[in-house]
Each structure stands twice: as structure tokens, then as C-alpha cells.
């Protein structure tokens, strides 16, 4: 037998057979199934036997973690090489979340400020109604403030100019007459007609009104006053101090007011007497 003659061995676990070189006799080998094969010791082959083919050496398979061999010095691994596993690459949670579709918001560094995008929320009916109510409330408040300012200005002007209404008890219609003089345009009746001869004094024509005015002045009236810019329904007589003259004017007033269903005023010492002319 040639020097490099080989023989065959059988795995006791799976039954696979392998050829081996004589120099492996007495050692242990691993099968593809993981079983251990004891290589037998044989005598040298006869000289006339043909020399067998020499098998290629098999690289020992890597030993898994935690697995140990019974005899690493005399043991050969005749299994096929194991598949090399692809190394696992550790990736950050942000990258994994991005590839998975769930966007994550990395926390900012301590002490740094981030600018968040503004979000436009669509307006709803309730939001529009609330805005309209707010505008109405604002308009009401502004209107109320303007009214207060105007009224305050009017009273302020009256206070600055002073009120012509005397203090103490007011006789007759003195308070109403004085207020009318403060608020309305008025003038002595002759001058009032001279400014505009189209003006009307109650139911009278201009000639009739002046006849009555002249009569009152002859009876002692110190002044006869008409009001308004175009038409006056009242006339005010500034009374004399003489009791007899005052009586004549009051008697005429009593008859006129009674005929026209107006209040009849008595002489109580008042300064003015208002004649209501009606229509």
C-alpha cells in the first residue's frame, strides 16, 4: 500500500462515511451532524494495493461560544463551514423611528431654545360668534363712553358759565322758564320778527302777535320774549312790580288759558309768566 493510502470511517450518529488519511488513526473527528467519530487504528496496507486518493484537508469549524471540544489537540472538524452571519449594526432610535414612519422629536440640548412652527387652527362657527359678540361689546362700551363724555361736557359748560336759576324756592314757573331760556334761542318779540318776518307765533299772524305784545307792554310788562328759529308756541312776559299792572296781565292769562285748556297761574310774586298759545 502506498504511503498516503486512505480508508473510510462511518459516523455512528448519522451513518455518513468519510475517507481519512492513515496519519489520523487513533484520533477523533467531527461529523457534519456534530457527532464525534473515533478514527480506528489499522495496519499498513499491503504493497500491491493501489494508493487511494488523498482527501483535501478540512478546515476546522469555528467553535461556538460556550461549546468546548473534548480533545482539541486530536480532534478535526470535518463538517461544512457554517454560514457567516451578517453583523448587526446598532442604529439610533431616531433613525429606526424615521425608517418606521413614526417621526420623533429629539429633545433639545439643555439651555437651548427651539422655535416651534405656528399652527393655524381653522375658525369654527362658535369662534366666529364669539368674535362678533366681542366686537358688539366693544362698540357698546365705546358708545357709552362717548355719551358720558358728551353729557359731562354739557354739564361742564353750564357749570363754567353758571346757571341763571336762582337758589332757594322758585315761584310759579320760574325754574321751567329759566331752563327754557338757557337751552333755546330766544329774543325780544319785536327783534325776533325783524330777524325773520316769516316766523310764526302760535295761531297769530305777525300783526296779531305784535298787537298783544304792545298791549302787555302798555300794562307794564318789562319785556316780551319769543323762542325758536321759525315758530314759537309760547311767549314769556317779564312781569312789572306794580300790583295793579300785574293784575291786568294775570286776568288776561286766566281767560286765555281757561279757553285753551291750559293751567291757570296765580300771582305769587313770580318774575315771569309763560303764555301757552296752543295751535
C-alpha atoms as a PDB file:
ATOM      1  CA  UNK A   1       0.000   0.000   0.000  1.00  0.00           C
ATOM      2  CA  UNK A   2       1.215   3.481  -0.802  1.00  0.00           C
ATOM      3  CA  UNK A   3       2.310   5.764   1.982  1.00  0.00           C
ATOM      4  CA  UNK A   4      -0.657   8.127   1.629  1.00  0.00           C
ATOM      5  CA  UNK A   5      -3.315   5.429   1.371  1.00  0.00           C
ATOM      6  CA  UNK A   6      -6.694   6.404   2.898  1.00  0.00           C
ATOM      7  CA  UNK A   7      -9.520   4.425   4.500  1.00  0.00           C
ATOM      8  CA  UNK A   8     -13.194   5.236   5.287  1.00  0.00           C
ATOM      9  CA  UNK A   9     -14.939   5.815   8.586  1.00  0.00           C
ATOM     10  CA  UNK A  10     -18.670   5.934   9.418  1.00  0.00           C
ATOM     11  CA  UNK A  11     -20.392   8.386  11.771  1.00  0.00           C
ATOM     12  CA  UNK A  12     -22.219   6.457  14.479  1.00  0.00           C
ATOM     13  CA  UNK A  13     -24.832   9.260  14.774  1.00  0.00           C
ATOM     14  CA  UNK A  14     -25.989   9.805  11.190  1.00  0.00           C
ATOM     15  CA  UNK A  15     -24.294   6.995   9.187  1.00  0.00           C
ATOM     16  CA  UNK A  16     -22.320   9.264   6.869  1.00  0.00           C
ATOM     17  CA  UNK A  17     -18.983   7.865   5.704  1.00  0.00           C
ATOM     18  CA  UNK A  18     -15.751   9.726   5.213  1.00  0.00           C
ATOM     19  CA  UNK A  19     -12.336   8.862   3.909  1.00  0.00           C
ATOM     20  CA  UNK A  20      -9.362   9.673   6.110  1.00  0.00           C
ATOM     21  CA  UNK A  21      -5.634   9.545   5.943  1.00  0.00           C
ATOM     22  CA  UNK A  22      -3.707   6.972   7.884  1.00  0.00           C
ATOM     23  CA  UNK A  23      -1.986   9.602   9.947  1.00  0.00           C
ATOM     24  CA  UNK A  24      -5.400  10.410  11.504  1.00  0.00           C
ATOM     25  CA  UNK A  25      -5.674   6.930  13.006  1.00  0.00           C
ATOM     26  CA  UNK A  26      -6.456   6.935  16.685  1.00  0.00           C
ATOM     27  CA  UNK A  27      -7.766  10.486  16.684  1.00  0.00           C
ATOM     28  CA  UNK A  28     -11.267  11.976  16.846  1.00  0.00           C
ATOM     29  CA  UNK A  29     -13.127  13.874  14.145  1.00  0.00           C
ATOM     30  CA  UNK A  30     -16.443  15.708  13.952  1.00  0.00           C
ATOM     31  CA  UNK A  31     -19.192  14.778  11.535  1.00  0.00           C
ATOM     32  CA  UNK A  32     -21.403  17.287   9.726  1.00  0.00           C
ATOM     33  CA  UNK A  33     -24.192  16.377  12.127  1.00  0.00           C
ATOM     34  CA  UNK A  34     -21.981  17.283  15.058  1.00  0.00           C
ATOM     35  CA  UNK A  35     -21.288  13.703  16.124  1.00  0.00           C
ATOM     36  CA  UNK A  36     -17.820  12.535  17.222  1.00  0.00           C
ATOM     37  CA  UNK A  37     -16.152   9.825  15.105  1.00  0.00           C
ATOM     38  CA  UNK A  38     -13.288   7.785  16.520  1.00  0.00           C
ATOM     39  CA  UNK A  39     -10.782   7.108  13.767  1.00  0.00           C
ATOM     40  CA  UNK A  40      -9.645   3.433  14.125  1.00  0.00           C
ATOM     41  CA  UNK A  41      -6.062   2.307  14.129  1.00  0.00           C
ATOM     42  CA  UNK A  42      -5.339  -0.008  11.170  1.00  0.00           C
ATOM     43  CA  UNK A  43      -2.349  -1.892   9.942  1.00  0.00           C
ATOM     44  CA  UNK A  44      -0.469  -0.610   6.971  1.00  0.00           C
ATOM     45  CA  UNK A  45      -1.934  -1.798   3.676  1.00  0.00           C
ATOM     46  CA  UNK A  46      -0.219  -4.389   1.529  1.00  0.00           C
ATOM     47  CA  UNK A  47       2.327  -3.217  -1.044  1.00  0.00           C
ATOM     48  CA  UNK A  48       0.343  -4.480  -4.030  1.00  0.00           C
ATOM     49  CA  UNK A  49      -2.795  -2.425  -3.148  1.00  0.00           C
ATOM     50  CA  UNK A  50      -3.287   0.780  -5.191  1.00  0.00           C
ATOM     51  CA  UNK A  51      -2.659   4.049  -3.441  1.00  0.00           C
ATOM     52  CA  UNK A  52      -6.006   5.832  -2.628  1.00  0.00           C
ATOM     53  CA  UNK A  53      -6.672   9.412  -3.433  1.00  0.00           C
ATOM     54  CA  UNK A  54      -5.682  11.823  -0.701  1.00  0.00           C
ATOM     55  CA  UNK A  55      -8.653  13.927   0.537  1.00  0.00           C
ATOM     56  CA  UNK A  56      -8.312  17.670   0.803  1.00  0.00           C
ATOM     57  CA  UNK A  57      -7.750  18.863   4.336  1.00  0.00           C
ATOM     58  CA  UNK A  58     -10.867  20.208   6.014  1.00  0.00           C
ATOM     59  CA  UNK A  59     -10.529  23.431   7.987  1.00  0.00           C
ATOM     60  CA  UNK A  60     -11.858  23.120  11.478  1.00  0.00           C
ATOM     61  CA  UNK A  61     -15.231  24.825  12.012  1.00  0.00           C
ATOM     62  CA  UNK A  62     -15.327  27.709  14.489  1.00  0.00           C
ATOM     63  CA  UNK A  63     -16.306  26.657  17.952  1.00  0.00           C
ATOM     64  CA  UNK A  64     -19.483  28.375  19.159  1.00  0.00           C
ATOM     65  CA  UNK A  65     -19.433  30.379  22.356  1.00  0.00           C
ATOM     66  CA  UNK A  66     -19.957  28.142  25.340  1.00  0.00           C
ATOM     67  CA  UNK A  67     -19.147  24.963  23.360  1.00  0.00           C
ATOM     68  CA  UNK A  68     -15.984  23.096  24.114  1.00  0.00           C
ATOM     69  CA  UNK A  69     -14.323  20.118  22.487  1.00  0.00           C
ATOM     70  CA  UNK A  70     -13.411  17.004  24.371  1.00  0.00           C
ATOM     71  CA  UNK A  71      -9.913  16.882  22.920  1.00  0.00           C
ATOM     72  CA  UNK A  72      -8.957  19.911  20.859  1.00  0.00           C
ATOM     73  CA  UNK A  73      -5.470  18.592  20.185  1.00  0.00           C
ATOM     74  CA  UNK A  74      -6.520  15.319  18.466  1.00  0.00           C
ATOM     75  CA  UNK A  75      -9.918  16.384  17.046  1.00  0.00           C
ATOM     76  CA  UNK A  76     -10.645  17.544  13.497  1.00  0.00           C
ATOM     77  CA  UNK A  77     -13.899  19.135  12.255  1.00  0.00           C
ATOM     78  CA  UNK A  78     -14.985  17.516   9.016  1.00  0.00           C
ATOM     79  CA  UNK A  79     -18.305  19.498   8.819  1.00  0.00           C
ATOM     80  CA  UNK A  80     -19.096  22.017   6.127  1.00  0.00           C
ATOM     81  CA  UNK A  81     -18.211  25.581   7.114  1.00  0.00           C
ATOM     82  CA  UNK A  82     -21.097  27.339   8.862  1.00  0.00           C
ATOM     83  CA  UNK A  83     -22.719  30.335   7.182  1.00  0.00           C
ATOM     84  CA  UNK A  84     -21.260  33.626   8.300  1.00  0.00           C
ATOM     85  CA  UNK A  85     -23.924  35.729   9.973  1.00  0.00           C
ATOM     86  CA  UNK A  86     -24.263  39.333   8.923  1.00  0.00           C
ATOM     87  CA  UNK A  87     -23.082  41.595  11.722  1.00  0.00           C
ATOM     88  CA  UNK A  88     -25.802  43.608  13.436  1.00  0.00           C
ATOM     89  CA  UNK A  89     -25.369  47.354  13.214  1.00  0.00           C
ATOM     90  CA  UNK A  90     -26.718  49.339  16.125  1.00  0.00           C
ATOM     91  CA  UNK A  91     -28.747  52.320  14.956  1.00  0.00           C
ATOM     92  CA  UNK A  92     -30.068  55.242  16.952  1.00  0.00           C
ATOM     93  CA  UNK A  93     -33.788  55.338  17.941  1.00  0.00           C
ATOM     94  CA  UNK A  94     -34.277  58.394  15.715  1.00  0.00           C
ATOM     95  CA  UNK A  95     -33.061  56.538  12.630  1.00  0.00           C
ATOM     96  CA  UNK A  96     -35.194  53.493  13.415  1.00  0.00           C
ATOM     97  CA  UNK A  97     -38.257  55.658  14.052  1.00  0.00           C
ATOM     98  CA  UNK A  98     -37.675  57.569  10.805  1.00  0.00           C
ATOM     99  CA  UNK A  99     -37.448  54.346   8.791  1.00  0.00           C
ATOM    100  CA  UNK A 100     -40.540  53.005  10.560  1.00  0.00           C
ATOM    101  CA  UNK A 101     -42.565  56.101   9.701  1.00  0.00           C
ATOM    102  CA  UNK A 102     -43.031  57.487  13.250  1.00  0.00           C
ATOM    103  CA  UNK A 103     -41.384  60.857  13.487  1.00  0.00           C
ATOM    104  CA  UNK A 104     -39.779  61.601  16.832  1.00  0.00           C
ATOM    105  CA  UNK A 105     -38.849  64.956  18.205  1.00  0.00           C
ATOM    106  CA  UNK A 106     -35.334  64.798  19.641  1.00  0.00           C
ATOM    107  CA  UNK A 107     -35.104  66.605  22.937  1.00  0.00           C
ATOM    108  CA  UNK A 108     -33.165  69.887  22.656  1.00  0.00           C
ATOM    109  CA  UNK A 109     -29.940  70.407  24.444  1.00  0.00           C
ATOM    110  CA  UNK A 110     -30.191  71.812  27.926  1.00  0.00           C
ATOM    111  CA  UNK A 111     -30.281  75.612  27.918  1.00  0.00           C
ATOM    112  CA  UNK A 112     -31.072  75.889  24.201  1.00  0.00           C
ATOM    113  CA  UNK A 113     -34.252  77.408  22.794  1.00  0.00           C
ATOM    114  CA  UNK A 114     -36.267  75.917  19.987  1.00  0.00           C
ATOM    115  CA  UNK A 115     -38.547  77.783  17.623  1.00  0.00           C
ATOM    116  CA  UNK A 116     -41.768  75.821  17.201  1.00  0.00           C
ATOM    117  CA  UNK A 117     -43.763  76.381  13.999  1.00  0.00           C
ATOM    118  CA  UNK A 118     -47.027  78.254  14.390  1.00  0.00           C
ATOM    119  CA  UNK A 119     -50.153  76.160  13.883  1.00  0.00           C
ATOM    120  CA  UNK A 120     -53.108  77.794  12.141  1.00  0.00           C
ATOM    121  CA  UNK A 121     -56.350  76.484  13.561  1.00  0.00           C
ATOM    122  CA  UNK A 122     -59.359  76.731  11.280  1.00  0.00           C
ATOM    123  CA  UNK A 123     -62.036  79.030  12.618  1.00  0.00           C
ATOM    124  CA  UNK A 124     -65.293  77.452  13.700  1.00  0.00           C
ATOM    125  CA  UNK A 125     -68.804  78.852  13.953  1.00  0.00           C
ATOM    126  CA  UNK A 126     -68.500  79.216  17.712  1.00  0.00           C
ATOM    127  CA  UNK A 127     -65.234  81.123  17.333  1.00  0.00           C
ATOM    128  CA  UNK A 128     -66.796  83.498  14.810  1.00  0.00           C
ATOM    129  CA  UNK A 129     -69.823  84.068  17.042  1.00  0.00           C
ATOM    130  CA  UNK A 130     -67.557  84.819  19.994  1.00  0.00           C
ATOM    131  CA  UNK A 131     -65.575  87.283  17.895  1.00  0.00           C
ATOM    132  CA  UNK A 132     -68.754  89.037  16.704  1.00  0.00           C
ATOM    133  CA  UNK A 133     -70.044  89.306  20.262  1.00  0.00           C
ATOM    134  CA  UNK A 134     -66.717  90.774  21.321  1.00  0.00           C
ATOM    135  CA  UNK A 135     -66.968  93.412  18.583  1.00  0.00           C
ATOM    136  CA  UNK A 136     -70.528  94.304  19.641  1.00  0.00           C
ATOM    137  CA  UNK A 137     -69.458  94.649  23.266  1.00  0.00           C
ATOM    138  CA  UNK A 138     -66.603  96.925  22.239  1.00  0.00           C
ATOM    139  CA  UNK A 139     -68.935  99.137  20.202  1.00  0.00           C
ATOM    140  CA  UNK A 140     -71.395  99.397  23.098  1.00  0.00           C
ATOM    141  CA  UNK A 141     -68.617 100.307  25.510  1.00  0.00           C
ATOM    142  CA  UNK A 142     -67.213 102.948  23.154  1.00  0.00           C
ATOM    143  CA  UNK A 143     -70.695 104.433  22.593  1.00  0.00           C
ATOM    144  CA  UNK A 144     -71.338 104.579  26.344  1.00  0.00           C
ATOM    145  CA  UNK A 145     -68.004 106.304  26.926  1.00  0.00           C
ATOM    146  CA  UNK A 146     -68.742 108.884  24.220  1.00  0.00           C
ATOM    147  CA  UNK A 147     -72.195 109.564  25.713  1.00  0.00           C
ATOM    148  CA  UNK A 148     -70.688 110.083  29.151  1.00  0.00           C
ATOM    149  CA  UNK A 149     -68.076 112.439  27.722  1.00  0.00           C
ATOM    150  CA  UNK A 150     -70.688 114.496  25.827  1.00  0.00           C
ATOM    151  CA  UNK A 151     -73.018 114.759  28.825  1.00  0.00           C
ATOM    152  CA  UNK A 152     -70.108 115.657  31.046  1.00  0.00           C
ATOM    153  CA  UNK A 153     -69.009 118.344  28.599  1.00  0.00           C
ATOM    154  CA  UNK A 154     -72.513 119.858  28.534  1.00  0.00           C
ATOM    155  CA  UNK A 155     -72.736 119.995  32.303  1.00  0.00           C
ATOM    156  CA  UNK A 156     -69.204 121.311  32.459  1.00  0.00           C
ATOM    157  CA  UNK A 157     -70.027 124.171  30.132  1.00  0.00           C
ATOM    158  CA  UNK A 158     -73.124 125.016  32.121  1.00  0.00           C
ATOM    159  CA  UNK A 159     -71.105 124.941  35.310  1.00  0.00           C
ATOM    160  CA  UNK A 160     -68.433 127.209  33.814  1.00  0.00           C
ATOM    161  CA  UNK A 161     -70.948 129.728  32.541  1.00  0.00           C
ATOM    162  CA  UNK A 162     -73.007 129.406  35.671  1.00  0.00           C
ATOM    163  CA  UNK A 163     -76.707 128.746  35.995  1.00  0.00           C
ATOM    164  CA  UNK A 164     -79.096 131.665  35.886  1.00  0.00           C
ATOM    165  CA  UNK A 165     -81.591 129.788  38.073  1.00  0.00           C
ATOM    166  CA  UNK A 166     -81.628 131.466  41.484  1.00  0.00           C
ATOM    167  CA  UNK A 167     -81.123 129.489  44.657  1.00  0.00           C
ATOM    168  CA  UNK A 168     -83.939 128.976  47.096  1.00  0.00           C
ATOM    169  CA  UNK A 169     -87.681 128.493  46.397  1.00  0.00           C
ATOM    170  CA  UNK A 170     -88.791 129.216  42.846  1.00  0.00           C
ATOM    171  CA  UNK A 171     -92.109 130.995  42.372  1.00  0.00           C
ATOM    172  CA  UNK A 172     -94.535 129.923  39.683  1.00  0.00           C
ATOM    173  CA  UNK A 173     -92.863 128.526  36.554  1.00  0.00           C
ATOM    174  CA  UNK A 174     -89.651 130.393  37.116  1.00  0.00           C
ATOM    175  CA  UNK A 175     -87.487 127.247  37.029  1.00  0.00           C
ATOM    176  CA  UNK A 176     -89.001 125.931  33.758  1.00  0.00           C
ATOM    177  CA  UNK A 177     -88.888 129.370  32.144  1.00  0.00           C
ATOM    178  CA  UNK A 178     -85.278 129.949  33.100  1.00  0.00           C
ATOM    179  CA  UNK A 179     -84.288 126.489  31.824  1.00  0.00           C
ATOM    180  CA  UNK A 180     -86.029 127.256  28.519  1.00  0.00           C
ATOM    181  CA  UNK A 181     -84.085 130.483  28.256  1.00  0.00           C
ATOM    182  CA  UNK A 182     -80.829 128.607  28.913  1.00  0.00           C
ATOM    183  CA  UNK A 183     -81.476 125.886  26.336  1.00  0.00           C
ATOM    184  CA  UNK A 184     -83.387 127.577  23.483  1.00  0.00           C
ATOM    185  CA  UNK A 185     -82.837 130.523  21.235  1.00  0.00           C
ATOM    186  CA  UNK A 186     -84.967 133.478  22.386  1.00  0.00           C
ATOM    187  CA  UNK A 187     -85.231 137.177  21.765  1.00  0.00           C
ATOM    188  CA  UNK A 188     -87.465 140.197  22.406  1.00  0.00           C
ATOM    189  CA  UNK A 189     -90.542 139.696  20.232  1.00  0.00           C
ATOM    190  CA  UNK A 190     -90.083 142.800  18.015  1.00  0.00           C
ATOM    191  CA  UNK A 191     -86.452 141.922  17.288  1.00  0.00           C
ATOM    192  CA  UNK A 192     -87.423 138.260  16.818  1.00  0.00           C
ATOM    193  CA  UNK A 193     -89.777 139.188  13.949  1.00  0.00           C
ATOM    194  CA  UNK A 194     -87.295 141.692  12.485  1.00  0.00           C
ATOM    195  CA  UNK A 195     -84.695 138.909  12.082  1.00  0.00           C
ATOM    196  CA  UNK A 196     -87.164 136.849  10.042  1.00  0.00           C
ATOM    197  CA  UNK A 197     -90.615 138.174   9.107  1.00  0.00           C
ATOM    198  CA  UNK A 198     -91.742 134.636   8.138  1.00  0.00           C
ATOM    199  CA  UNK A 199     -91.650 133.439  11.728  1.00  0.00           C
ATOM    200  CA  UNK A 200     -94.901 132.325  13.349  1.00  0.00           C
ATOM    201  CA  UNK A 201     -96.047 132.870  16.926  1.00  0.00           C
ATOM    202  CA  UNK A 202     -98.748 130.298  17.784  1.00  0.00           C
ATOM    203  CA  UNK A 203    -102.072 130.832  15.993  1.00  0.00           C
ATOM    204  CA  UNK A 204    -101.389 134.521  15.432  1.00  0.00           C
ATOM    205  CA  UNK A 205    -100.054 136.338  12.451  1.00  0.00           C
ATOM    206  CA  UNK A 206     -97.141 138.684  12.906  1.00  0.00           C
ATOM    207  CA  UNK A 207     -99.501 141.701  13.183  1.00  0.00           C
ATOM    208  CA  UNK A 208    -101.698 139.988  15.792  1.00  0.00           C
ATOM    209  CA  UNK A 209     -98.692 138.903  17.861  1.00  0.00           C
ATOM    210  CA  UNK A 210     -97.271 142.421  17.906  1.00  0.00           C
ATOM    211  CA  UNK A 211    -100.689 143.865  18.932  1.00  0.00           C
ATOM    212  CA  UNK A 212    -100.784 141.637  22.013  1.00  0.00           C
ATOM    213  CA  UNK A 213     -97.147 142.369  22.779  1.00  0.00           C
ATOM    214  CA  UNK A 214     -97.753 146.118  22.645  1.00  0.00           C
ATOM    215  CA  UNK A 215    -100.819 145.760  24.923  1.00  0.00           C
ATOM    216  CA  UNK A 216     -98.814 143.881  27.577  1.00  0.00           C
ATOM    217  CA  UNK A 217     -96.051 146.429  27.439  1.00  0.00           C
ATOM    218  CA  UNK A 218     -98.625 149.216  27.994  1.00  0.00           C
ATOM    219  CA  UNK A 219     -99.875 147.239  31.014  1.00  0.00           C
ATOM    220  CA  UNK A 220     -96.366 147.390  32.470  1.00  0.00           C
ATOM    221  CA  UNK A 221     -94.604 144.312  31.019  1.00  0.00           C
ATOM    222  CA  UNK A 222     -90.882 144.998  31.029  1.00  0.00           C
ATOM    223  CA  UNK A 223     -90.153 142.501  28.241  1.00  0.00           C
ATOM    224  CA  UNK A 224     -91.998 140.075  25.916  1.00  0.00           C
ATOM    225  CA  UNK A 225     -89.871 137.139  24.725  1.00  0.00           C
ATOM    226  CA  UNK A 226     -90.387 134.698  21.797  1.00  0.00           C
ATOM    227  CA  UNK A 227     -88.485 131.393  21.322  1.00  0.00           C
ATOM    228  CA  UNK A 228     -87.217 129.253  18.453  1.00  0.00           C
ATOM    229  CA  UNK A 229     -85.816 129.923  14.999  1.00  0.00           C
ATOM    230  CA  UNK A 230     -89.048 129.647  12.950  1.00  0.00           C
ATOM    231  CA  UNK A 231     -92.072 129.065  15.194  1.00  0.00           C
ATOM    232  CA  UNK A 232     -92.861 129.579  18.850  1.00  0.00           C
ATOM    233  CA  UNK A 233     -95.849 128.133  20.733  1.00  0.00           C
ATOM    234  CA  UNK A 234     -95.175 130.089  23.912  1.00  0.00           C
ATOM    235  CA  UNK A 235     -94.405 133.655  24.835  1.00  0.00           C
ATOM    236  CA  UNK A 236     -92.886 134.787  28.134  1.00  0.00           C
ATOM    237  CA  UNK A 237     -93.831 138.039  29.805  1.00  0.00           C
ATOM    238  CA  UNK A 238     -91.403 139.647  32.244  1.00  0.00           C
ATOM    239  CA  UNK A 239     -93.854 140.994  34.831  1.00  0.00           C
ATOM    240  CA  UNK A 240     -93.845 144.507  36.310  1.00  0.00           C
ATOM    241  CA  UNK A 241     -93.576 145.178  40.022  1.00  0.00           C
ATOM    242  CA  UNK A 242     -96.808 147.243  40.257  1.00  0.00           C
ATOM    243  CA  UNK A 243     -99.645 145.009  41.611  1.00  0.00           C
ATOM    244  CA  UNK A 244    -102.366 146.721  39.523  1.00  0.00           C
ATOM    245  CA  UNK A 245    -100.433 146.250  36.304  1.00  0.00           C
ATOM    246  CA  UNK A 246     -99.650 142.638  37.201  1.00  0.00           C
ATOM    247  CA  UNK A 247    -103.388 142.008  37.844  1.00  0.00           C
ATOM    248  CA  UNK A 248    -104.330 143.080  34.312  1.00  0.00           C
ATOM    249  CA  UNK A 249    -101.812 140.680  32.787  1.00  0.00           C
ATOM    250  CA  UNK A 250    -102.850 137.802  35.056  1.00  0.00           C
ATOM    251  CA  UNK A 251    -106.548 138.369  34.311  1.00  0.00           C
ATOM    252  CA  UNK A 252    -105.870 138.102  30.540  1.00  0.00           C
ATOM    253  CA  UNK A 253    -103.763 134.937  31.160  1.00  0.00           C
ATOM    254  CA  UNK A 254    -106.579 133.356  33.217  1.00  0.00           C
ATOM    255  CA  UNK A 255    -109.144 133.838  30.456  1.00  0.00           C
ATOM    256  CA  UNK A 256    -106.801 132.664  27.654  1.00  0.00           C
ATOM    257  CA  UNK A 257    -105.571 129.522  29.431  1.00  0.00           C
ATOM    258  CA  UNK A 258    -109.086 128.562  30.521  1.00  0.00           C
ATOM    259  CA  UNK A 259    -110.347 128.813  26.942  1.00  0.00           C
ATOM    260  CA  UNK A 260    -107.428 126.726  25.628  1.00  0.00           C
ATOM    261  CA  UNK A 261    -107.458 124.159  28.444  1.00  0.00           C
ATOM    262  CA  UNK A 262    -104.123 125.218  29.901  1.00  0.00           C
ATOM    263  CA  UNK A 263    -103.144 125.567  33.533  1.00  0.00           C
ATOM    264  CA  UNK A 264    -104.111 128.916  35.077  1.00  0.00           C
ATOM    265  CA  UNK A 265    -101.363 130.555  37.118  1.00  0.00           C
ATOM    266  CA  UNK A 266    -101.946 132.840  40.063  1.00  0.00           C
ATOM    267  CA  UNK A 267     -99.836 135.801  41.070  1.00  0.00           C
ATOM    268  CA  UNK A 268     -97.470 134.621  43.805  1.00  0.00           C
ATOM    269  CA  UNK A 269     -94.770 137.190  43.198  1.00  0.00           C
ATOM    270  CA  UNK A 270     -93.024 135.408  40.329  1.00  0.00           C
ATOM    271  CA  UNK A 271     -90.839 137.316  37.871  1.00  0.00           C
ATOM    272  CA  UNK A 272     -92.007 135.639  34.624  1.00  0.00           C
ATOM    273  CA  UNK A 273     -95.336 134.394  33.290  1.00  0.00           C
ATOM    274  CA  UNK A 274     -95.482 131.936  30.380  1.00  0.00           C
ATOM    275  CA  UNK A 275     -98.416 132.180  27.985  1.00  0.00           C
ATOM    276  CA  UNK A 276     -99.107 128.937  26.119  1.00  0.00           C
ATOM    277  CA  UNK A 277    -100.568 129.770  22.726  1.00  0.00           C
ATOM    278  CA  UNK A 278    -101.501 126.301  21.506  1.00  0.00           C
ATOM    279  CA  UNK A 279    -102.042 125.593  17.792  1.00  0.00           C
END
